[in-house]
Structure formats: C-alpha cells, structure tokens
Amino acid sequence: MKVNIEIDCTPLEARQFFGFPDVAPMQTAVMDKLQQQMMTNIEKMSPEALIQSWLTFDPKLAERFQDMFVTMAGLGSSRPNDKKK
C-alpha cells in the first residue's frame, strides 16, 4: 500500500506547524551586522586608504615609491655600471 500526502504551505507555515522557532529576526540582525562589517572593510581597502597606510609606515617610503616609478618609466638616470666605456 502506498500513500502520498501533498501539503501546500509556505515555509513559515511549516515551521509554525512543527513548532520550530521563528529565526527571521535573528537572520536579519546577523545580516545587518555582516553588511556593516563588510562596508567598514571596504572603506579600509579603498586605494586612498591603502596608499595612506603604506606611506605612514615609513617616512621615506614616498620617496622610494617616486624613485621606483621614475625608474620603471625609464626616466631615471642610468646607474654607473650601465654606462658604456
């Protein structure tokens, strides 16, 4: 013998029927907190914030970045070893 029972109800109605707690307020609170933390971390990862944190680490770091970019662009003076005799 085979019996099929089909129940048409929403997930909320099923949880209430079985006596499960309503976790919607908890989920909303957790998602709000997660969104708040993500927005805080996104602000920390902005290009301006990253450059600011890098440049405050070492006072001469700005000069080193400038020298590195000048050298990469090929605008810097050649080193003594690079000169032909």
PDB file of N, CA and C in Angstrom:
ATOM      1  N   MET A   1       0.838  -1.166   0.000  1.00  0.00           N
ATOM      2  CA  MET A   1       0.000   0.000   0.000  1.00  0.00           C
ATOM      3  C   MET A   1       0.892   1.242   0.000  1.00  0.00           C
ATOM      4  N   LYS A   2       0.525   2.193  -0.812  1.00  0.00           N
ATOM      5  CA  LYS A   2       1.311   3.407  -0.944  1.00  0.00           C
ATOM      6  C   LYS A   2       0.379   4.601  -0.744  1.00  0.00           C
ATOM      7  N   VAL A   3       0.818   5.525   0.139  1.00  0.00           N
ATOM      8  CA  VAL A   3       0.005   6.697   0.418  1.00  0.00           C
ATOM      9  C   VAL A   3       0.855   7.935   0.180  1.00  0.00           C
ATOM     10  N   ASN A   4       0.369   8.841  -0.598  1.00  0.00           N
ATOM     11  CA  ASN A   4       1.047  10.108  -0.844  1.00  0.00           C
ATOM     12  C   ASN A   4       0.233  11.237  -0.227  1.00  0.00           C
ATOM     13  N   ILE A   5       0.903  12.064   0.531  1.00  0.00           N
ATOM     14  CA  ILE A   5       0.246  13.227   1.116  1.00  0.00           C
ATOM     15  C   ILE A   5       0.961  14.458   0.596  1.00  0.00           C
ATOM     16  N   GLU A   6       0.228  15.365   0.022  1.00  0.00           N
ATOM     17  CA  GLU A   6       0.802  16.593  -0.507  1.00  0.00           C
ATOM     18  C   GLU A   6       0.257  17.752   0.307  1.00  0.00           C
ATOM     19  N   ILE A   7       1.166  18.532   0.887  1.00  0.00           N
ATOM     20  CA  ILE A   7       0.768  19.667   1.714  1.00  0.00           C
ATOM     21  C   ILE A   7       1.239  20.934   1.022  1.00  0.00           C
ATOM     22  N   ASP A   8       0.331  21.839   0.819  1.00  0.00           N
ATOM     23  CA  ASP A   8       0.652  23.109   0.171  1.00  0.00           C
ATOM     24  C   ASP A   8       0.680  24.194   1.239  1.00  0.00           C
ATOM     25  N   CYS A   9       1.907  24.586   1.655  1.00  0.00           N
ATOM     26  CA  CYS A   9       2.044  25.636   2.659  1.00  0.00           C
ATOM     27  C   CYS A   9       3.374  26.358   2.448  1.00  0.00           C
ATOM     28  N   THR A  10       3.474  27.504   3.060  1.00  0.00           N
ATOM     29  CA  THR A  10       4.711  28.279   2.962  1.00  0.00           C
ATOM     30  C   THR A  10       5.719  27.742   3.972  1.00  0.00           C
ATOM     31  N   PRO A  11       7.000  28.066   3.810  1.00  0.00           N
ATOM     32  CA  PRO A  11       7.990  27.636   4.802  1.00  0.00           C
ATOM     33  C   PRO A  11       7.662  28.145   6.211  1.00  0.00           C
ATOM     34  N   LEU A  12       7.134  29.353   6.311  1.00  0.00           N
ATOM     35  CA  LEU A  12       6.772  29.897   7.623  1.00  0.00           C
ATOM     36  C   LEU A  12       5.662  29.072   8.257  1.00  0.00           C
ATOM     37  N   GLU A  13       4.661  28.706   7.461  1.00  0.00           N
ATOM     38  CA  GLU A  13       3.565  27.890   7.993  1.00  0.00           C
ATOM     39  C   GLU A  13       4.066  26.507   8.421  1.00  0.00           C
ATOM     40  N   ALA A  14       4.988  25.932   7.674  1.00  0.00           N
ATOM     41  CA  ALA A  14       5.538  24.616   8.036  1.00  0.00           C
ATOM     42  C   ALA A  14       6.316  24.705   9.340  1.00  0.00           C
ATOM     43  N   ARG A  15       7.123  25.773   9.495  1.00  0.00           N
ATOM     44  CA  ARG A  15       7.876  25.930  10.754  1.00  0.00           C
ATOM     45  C   ARG A  15       6.925  26.090  11.938  1.00  0.00           C
ATOM     46  N   GLN A  16       5.873  26.858  11.753  1.00  0.00           N
ATOM     47  CA  GLN A  16       4.912  27.051  12.835  1.00  0.00           C
ATOM     48  C   GLN A  16       4.193  25.740  13.161  1.00  0.00           C
ATOM     49  N   PHE A  17       3.858  24.978  12.151  1.00  0.00           N
ATOM     50  CA  PHE A  17       3.158  23.713  12.363  1.00  0.00           C
ATOM     51  C   PHE A  17       4.016  22.740  13.177  1.00  0.00           C
ATOM     52  N   PHE A  18       5.323  22.659  12.834  1.00  0.00           N
ATOM     53  CA  PHE A  18       6.205  21.734  13.539  1.00  0.00           C
ATOM     54  C   PHE A  18       6.742  22.313  14.845  1.00  0.00           C
ATOM     55  N   GLY A  19       6.461  23.589  15.111  1.00  0.00           N
ATOM     56  CA  GLY A  19       6.878  24.192  16.374  1.00  0.00           C
ATOM     57  C   GLY A  19       8.303  24.725  16.363  1.00  0.00           C
ATOM     58  N   PHE A  20       8.877  24.900  15.184  1.00  0.00           N
ATOM     59  CA  PHE A  20      10.222  25.462  15.103  1.00  0.00           C
ATOM     60  C   PHE A  20      10.170  26.955  15.391  1.00  0.00           C
ATOM     61  N   PRO A  21      11.238  27.497  15.961  1.00  0.00           N
ATOM     62  CA  PRO A  21      11.226  28.930  16.279  1.00  0.00           C
ATOM     63  C   PRO A  21      11.335  29.793  15.021  1.00  0.00           C
ATOM     64  N   ASP A  22      10.844  31.011  15.130  1.00  0.00           N
ATOM     65  CA  ASP A  22      10.946  31.974  14.023  1.00  0.00           C
ATOM     66  C   ASP A  22      12.333  32.611  14.109  1.00  0.00           C
ATOM     67  N   VAL A  23      13.186  32.309  13.147  1.00  0.00           N
ATOM     68  CA  VAL A  23      14.563  32.801  13.171  1.00  0.00           C
ATOM     69  C   VAL A  23      14.765  34.022  12.275  1.00  0.00           C
ATOM     70  N   ALA A  24      13.691  34.544  11.697  1.00  0.00           N
ATOM     71  CA  ALA A  24      13.805  35.688  10.788  1.00  0.00           C
ATOM     72  C   ALA A  24      14.422  36.910  11.469  1.00  0.00           C
ATOM     73  N   PRO A  25      14.023  37.279  12.705  1.00  0.00           N
ATOM     74  CA  PRO A  25      14.669  38.442  13.337  1.00  0.00           C
ATOM     75  C   PRO A  25      16.173  38.236  13.570  1.00  0.00           C
ATOM     76  N   MET A  26      16.548  37.014  13.940  1.00  0.00           N
ATOM     77  CA  MET A  26      17.963  36.722  14.156  1.00  0.00           C
ATOM     78  C   MET A  26      18.732  36.800  12.836  1.00  0.00           C
ATOM     79  N   GLN A  27      18.160  36.267  11.771  1.00  0.00           N
ATOM     80  CA  GLN A  27      18.807  36.331  10.465  1.00  0.00           C
ATOM     81  C   GLN A  27      18.965  37.773  10.002  1.00  0.00           C
ATOM     82  N   THR A  28      17.956  38.579  10.239  1.00  0.00           N
ATOM     83  CA  THR A  28      18.016  39.991   9.857  1.00  0.00           C
ATOM     84  C   THR A  28      19.114  40.704  10.628  1.00  0.00           C
ATOM     85  N   ALA A  29      19.204  40.438  11.935  1.00  0.00           N
ATOM     86  CA  ALA A  29      20.229  41.082  12.758  1.00  0.00           C
ATOM     87  C   ALA A  29      21.628  40.659  12.315  1.00  0.00           C
ATOM     88  N   VAL A  30      21.814  39.382  12.031  1.00  0.00           N
ATOM     89  CA  VAL A  30      23.127  38.883  11.604  1.00  0.00           C
ATOM     90  C   VAL A  30      23.499  39.479  10.248  1.00  0.00           C
ATOM     91  N   MET A  31      22.550  39.539   9.329  1.00  0.00           N
ATOM     92  CA  MET A  31      22.831  40.097   8.008  1.00  0.00           C
ATOM     93  C   MET A  31      23.144  41.588   8.086  1.00  0.00           C
ATOM     94  N   ASP A  32      22.460  42.320   8.965  1.00  0.00           N
ATOM     95  CA  ASP A  32      22.760  43.745   9.147  1.00  0.00           C
ATOM     96  C   ASP A  32      24.177  43.937   9.678  1.00  0.00           C
ATOM     97  N   LYS A  33      24.552  43.118  10.661  1.00  0.00           N
ATOM     98  CA  LYS A  33      25.894  43.224  11.237  1.00  0.00           C
ATOM     99  C   LYS A  33      26.950  42.850  10.199  1.00  0.00           C
ATOM    100  N   LEU A  34      26.694  41.819   9.414  1.00  0.00           N
ATOM    101  CA  LEU A  34      27.623  41.396   8.367  1.00  0.00           C
ATOM    102  C   LEU A  34      27.788  42.495   7.321  1.00  0.00           C
ATOM    103  N   GLN A  35      26.681  43.114   6.934  1.00  0.00           N
ATOM    104  CA  GLN A  35      26.754  44.195   5.962  1.00  0.00           C
ATOM    105  C   GLN A  35      27.548  45.369   6.524  1.00  0.00           C
ATOM    106  N   GLN A  36      27.347  45.676   7.787  1.00  0.00           N
ATOM    107  CA  GLN A  36      28.084  46.777   8.428  1.00  0.00           C
ATOM    108  C   GLN A  36      29.592  46.490   8.441  1.00  0.00           C
ATOM    109  N   GLN A  37      29.963  45.269   8.776  1.00  0.00           N
ATOM    110  CA  GLN A  37      31.381  44.903   8.803  1.00  0.00           C
ATOM    111  C   GLN A  37      31.975  44.937   7.404  1.00  0.00           C
ATOM    112  N   MET A  38      31.234  44.480   6.416  1.00  0.00           N
ATOM    113  CA  MET A  38      31.739  44.493   5.044  1.00  0.00           C
ATOM    114  C   MET A  38      31.951  45.923   4.558  1.00  0.00           C
ATOM    115  N   MET A  39      31.030  46.815   4.866  1.00  0.00           N
ATOM    116  CA  MET A  39      31.171  48.205   4.444  1.00  0.00           C
ATOM    117  C   MET A  39      32.371  48.857   5.124  1.00  0.00           C
ATOM    118  N   THR A  40      32.616  48.528   6.400  1.00  0.00           N
ATOM    119  CA  THR A  40      33.790  49.051   7.103  1.00  0.00           C
ATOM    120  C   THR A  40      35.072  48.552   6.451  1.00  0.00           C
ATOM    121  N   ASN A  41      35.113  47.277   6.109  1.00  0.00           N
ATOM    122  CA  ASN A  41      36.309  46.710   5.483  1.00  0.00           C
ATOM    123  C   ASN A  41      36.502  47.224   4.065  1.00  0.00           C
ATOM    124  N   ILE A  42      35.430  47.482   3.350  1.00  0.00           N
ATOM    125  CA  ILE A  42      35.554  48.032   2.001  1.00  0.00           C
ATOM    126  C   ILE A  42      36.190  49.410   2.066  1.00  0.00           C
ATOM    127  N   GLU A  43      35.796  50.207   3.057  1.00  0.00           N
ATOM    128  CA  GLU A  43      36.380  51.535   3.206  1.00  0.00           C
ATOM    129  C   GLU A  43      37.880  51.442   3.509  1.00  0.00           C
ATOM    130  N   LYS A  44      38.283  50.417   4.269  1.00  0.00           N
ATOM    131  CA  LYS A  44      39.702  50.233   4.578  1.00  0.00           C
ATOM    132  C   LYS A  44      40.498  49.801   3.350  1.00  0.00           C
ATOM    133  N   MET A  45      39.827  49.176   2.380  1.00  0.00           N
ATOM    134  CA  MET A  45      40.521  48.664   1.204  1.00  0.00           C
ATOM    135  C   MET A  45      40.470  49.624   0.025  1.00  0.00           C
ATOM    136  N   SER A  46      39.990  50.843   0.234  1.00  0.00           N
ATOM    137  CA  SER A  46      39.962  51.808  -0.862  1.00  0.00           C
ATOM    138  C   SER A  46      41.399  52.183  -1.226  1.00  0.00           C
ATOM    139  N   PRO A  47      41.651  52.559  -2.463  1.00  0.00           N
ATOM    140  CA  PRO A  47      43.018  52.910  -2.868  1.00  0.00           C
ATOM    141  C   PRO A  47      43.621  54.019  -2.015  1.00  0.00           C
ATOM    142  N   GLU A  48      42.814  55.013  -1.661  1.00  0.00           N
ATOM    143  CA  GLU A  48      43.336  56.111  -0.845  1.00  0.00           C
ATOM    144  C   GLU A  48      43.776  55.617   0.534  1.00  0.00           C
ATOM    145  N   ALA A  49      42.953  54.747   1.140  1.00  0.00           N
ATOM    146  CA  ALA A  49      43.290  54.234   2.468  1.00  0.00           C
ATOM    147  C   ALA A  49      44.536  53.348   2.417  1.00  0.00           C
ATOM    148  N   LEU A  50      44.657  52.535   1.364  1.00  0.00           N
ATOM    149  CA  LEU A  50      45.836  51.672   1.247  1.00  0.00           C
ATOM    150  C   LEU A  50      47.115  52.497   1.090  1.00  0.00           C
ATOM    151  N   ILE A  51      47.094  53.486   0.207  1.00  0.00           N
ATOM    152  CA  ILE A  51      48.269  54.323  -0.001  1.00  0.00           C
ATOM    153  C   ILE A  51      48.606  55.075   1.284  1.00  0.00           C
ATOM    154  N   GLN A  52      47.574  55.578   1.963  1.00  0.00           N
ATOM    155  CA  GLN A  52      47.811  56.307   3.209  1.00  0.00           C
ATOM    156  C   GLN A  52      48.460  55.402   4.248  1.00  0.00           C
ATOM    157  N   SER A  53      47.981  54.157   4.364  1.00  0.00           N
ATOM    158  CA  SER A  53      48.574  53.251   5.355  1.00  0.00           C
ATOM    159  C   SER A  53      49.999  52.870   4.964  1.00  0.00           C
ATOM    160  N   TRP A  54      50.272  52.736   3.671  1.00  0.00           N
ATOM    161  CA  TRP A  54      51.626  52.408   3.237  1.00  0.00           C
ATOM    162  C   TRP A  54      52.573  53.565   3.501  1.00  0.00           C
ATOM    163  N   LEU A  55      52.118  54.775   3.232  1.00  0.00           N
ATOM    164  CA  LEU A  55      53.006  55.929   3.356  1.00  0.00           C
ATOM    165  C   LEU A  55      53.244  56.337   4.799  1.00  0.00           C
ATOM    166  N   THR A  56      52.356  55.995   5.703  1.00  0.00           N
ATOM    167  CA  THR A  56      52.575  56.345   7.110  1.00  0.00           C
ATOM    168  C   THR A  56      53.496  55.352   7.796  1.00  0.00           C
ATOM    169  N   PHE A  57      53.769  54.226   7.167  1.00  0.00           N
ATOM    170  CA  PHE A  57      54.634  53.218   7.782  1.00  0.00           C
ATOM    171  C   PHE A  57      56.084  53.691   7.831  1.00  0.00           C
ATOM    172  N   ASP A  58      56.566  54.295   6.770  1.00  0.00           N
ATOM    173  CA  ASP A  58      57.956  54.732   6.672  1.00  0.00           C
ATOM    174  C   ASP A  58      57.967  56.133   6.059  1.00  0.00           C
ATOM    175  N   PRO A  59      58.549  57.117   6.730  1.00  0.00           N
ATOM    176  CA  PRO A  59      58.543  58.479   6.195  1.00  0.00           C
ATOM    177  C   PRO A  59      59.218  58.595   4.818  1.00  0.00           C
ATOM    178  N   LYS A  60      60.213  57.786   4.551  1.00  0.00           N
ATOM    179  CA  LYS A  60      60.934  57.875   3.281  1.00  0.00           C
ATOM    180  C   LYS A  60      60.302  56.998   2.208  1.00  0.00           C
ATOM    181  N   LEU A  61      59.213  56.352   2.539  1.00  0.00           N
ATOM    182  CA  LEU A  61      58.583  55.444   1.583  1.00  0.00           C
ATOM    183  C   LEU A  61      58.044  56.201   0.378  1.00  0.00           C
ATOM    184  N   ALA A  62      57.551  57.416   0.576  1.00  0.00           N
ATOM    185  CA  ALA A  62      57.045  58.212  -0.553  1.00  0.00           C
ATOM    186  C   ALA A  62      58.156  58.461  -1.560  1.00  0.00           C
ATOM    187  N   GLU A  63      59.359  58.778  -1.072  1.00  0.00           N
ATOM    188  CA  GLU A  63      60.500  58.995  -1.965  1.00  0.00           C
ATOM    189  C   GLU A  63      60.869  57.705  -2.691  1.00  0.00           C
ATOM    190  N   ARG A  64      60.797  56.597  -1.988  1.00  0.00           N
ATOM    191  CA  ARG A  64      61.127  55.313  -2.609  1.00  0.00           C
ATOM    192  C   ARG A  64      60.123  54.960  -3.702  1.00  0.00           C
ATOM    193  N   PHE A  65      58.823  55.217  -3.439  1.00  0.00           N
ATOM    194  CA  PHE A  65      57.813  54.990  -4.474  1.00  0.00           C
ATOM    195  C   PHE A  65      58.085  55.864  -5.685  1.00  0.00           C
ATOM    196  N   GLN A  66      58.412  57.106  -5.443  1.00  0.00           N
ATOM    197  CA  GLN A  66      58.675  58.021  -6.551  1.00  0.00           C
ATOM    198  C   GLN A  66      59.876  57.548  -7.356  1.00  0.00           C
ATOM    199  N   ASP A  67      60.944  57.157  -6.671  1.00  0.00           N
ATOM    200  CA  ASP A  67      62.128  56.640  -7.363  1.00  0.00           C
ATOM    201  C   ASP A  67      61.806  55.373  -8.155  1.00  0.00           C
ATOM    202  N   MET A  68      60.982  54.511  -7.562  1.00  0.00           N
ATOM    203  CA  MET A  68      60.623  53.269  -8.240  1.00  0.00           C
ATOM    204  C   MET A  68      59.835  53.565  -9.521  1.00  0.00           C
ATOM    205  N   PHE A  69      58.857  54.476  -9.443  1.00  0.00           N
ATOM    206  CA  PHE A  69      58.061  54.807 -10.622  1.00  0.00           C
ATOM    207  C   PHE A  69      58.905  55.495 -11.689  1.00  0.00           C
ATOM    208  N   VAL A  70      59.830  56.344 -11.278  1.00  0.00           N
ATOM    209  CA  VAL A  70      60.706  57.016 -12.246  1.00  0.00           C
ATOM    210  C   VAL A  70      61.582  55.984 -12.940  1.00  0.00           C
ATOM    211  N   THR A  71      62.121  55.053 -12.175  1.00  0.00           N
ATOM    212  CA  THR A  71      62.973  54.011 -12.744  1.00  0.00           C
ATOM    213  C   THR A  71      62.173  53.103 -13.681  1.00  0.00           C
ATOM    214  N   MET A  72      60.941  52.750 -13.271  1.00  0.00           N
ATOM    215  CA  MET A  72      60.106  51.882 -14.111  1.00  0.00           C
ATOM    216  C   MET A  72      59.737  52.581 -15.419  1.00  0.00           C
ATOM    217  N   ALA A  73      59.563  53.877 -15.382  1.00  0.00           N
ATOM    218  CA  ALA A  73      59.196  54.620 -16.584  1.00  0.00           C
ATOM    219  C   ALA A  73      60.403  54.889 -17.470  1.00  0.00           C
ATOM    220  N   GLY A  74      61.599  54.608 -16.971  1.00  0.00           N
ATOM    221  CA  GLY A  74      62.804  54.824 -17.760  1.00  0.00           C
ATOM    222  C   GLY A  74      63.243  56.272 -17.775  1.00  0.00           C
ATOM    223  N   LEU A  75      62.744  57.049 -16.837  1.00  0.00           N
ATOM    224  CA  LEU A  75      63.078  58.464 -16.804  1.00  0.00           C
ATOM    225  C   LEU A  75      64.247  58.758 -15.873  1.00  0.00           C
ATOM    226  N   GLY A  76      64.653  57.771 -15.116  1.00  0.00           N
ATOM    227  CA  GLY A  76      65.734  57.976 -14.155  1.00  0.00           C
ATOM    228  C   GLY A  76      67.087  57.959 -14.831  1.00  0.00           C
ATOM    229  N   SER A  77      68.071  58.489 -14.149  1.00  0.00           N
ATOM    230  CA  SER A  77      69.434  58.474 -14.689  1.00  0.00           C
ATOM    231  C   SER A  77      69.973  57.060 -14.636  1.00  0.00           C
ATOM    232  N   SER A  78      70.821  56.731 -15.553  1.00  0.00           N
ATOM    233  CA  SER A  78      71.368  55.382 -15.578  1.00  0.00           C
ATOM    234  C   SER A  78      72.376  55.220 -14.468  1.00  0.00           C
ATOM    235  N   ARG A  79      72.518  54.007 -14.020  1.00  0.00           N
ATOM    236  CA  ARG A  79      73.469  53.721 -12.950  1.00  0.00           C
ATOM    237  C   ARG A  79      74.885  53.719 -13.529  1.00  0.00           C
ATOM    238  N   PRO A  80      75.882  53.922 -12.697  1.00  0.00           N
ATOM    239  CA  PRO A  80      77.264  53.949 -13.198  1.00  0.00           C
ATOM    240  C   PRO A  80      77.669  52.672 -13.910  1.00  0.00           C
ATOM    241  N   ASN A  81      77.145  51.521 -13.524  1.00  0.00           N
ATOM    242  CA  ASN A  81      77.512  50.246 -14.152  1.00  0.00           C
ATOM    243  C   ASN A  81      76.913  50.116 -15.543  1.00  0.00           C
ATOM    244  N   ASP A  82      75.840  50.889 -15.833  1.00  0.00           N
ATOM    245  CA  ASP A  82      75.158  50.790 -17.110  1.00  0.00           C
ATOM    246  C   ASP A  82      75.845  51.623 -18.203  1.00  0.00           C
ATOM    247  N   LYS A  83      76.728  52.524 -17.843  1.00  0.00           N
ATOM    248  CA  LYS A  83      77.372  53.406 -18.836  1.00  0.00           C
ATOM    249  C   LYS A  83      78.389  52.620 -19.637  1.00  0.00           C
ATOM    250  N   LYS A  84      78.429  52.895 -20.928  1.00  0.00           N
ATOM    251  CA  LYS A  84      79.417  52.238 -21.791  1.00  0.00           C
ATOM    252  C   LYS A  84      80.735  52.987 -21.706  1.00  0.00           C
ATOM    253  N   LYS A  85      81.815  52.267 -21.826  1.00  0.00           N
ATOM    254  CA  LYS A  85      83.145  52.885 -21.749  1.00  0.00           C
ATOM    255  C   LYS A  85      83.654  53.156 -23.121  1.00  0.00           C
TER     256      LYS A  85
END
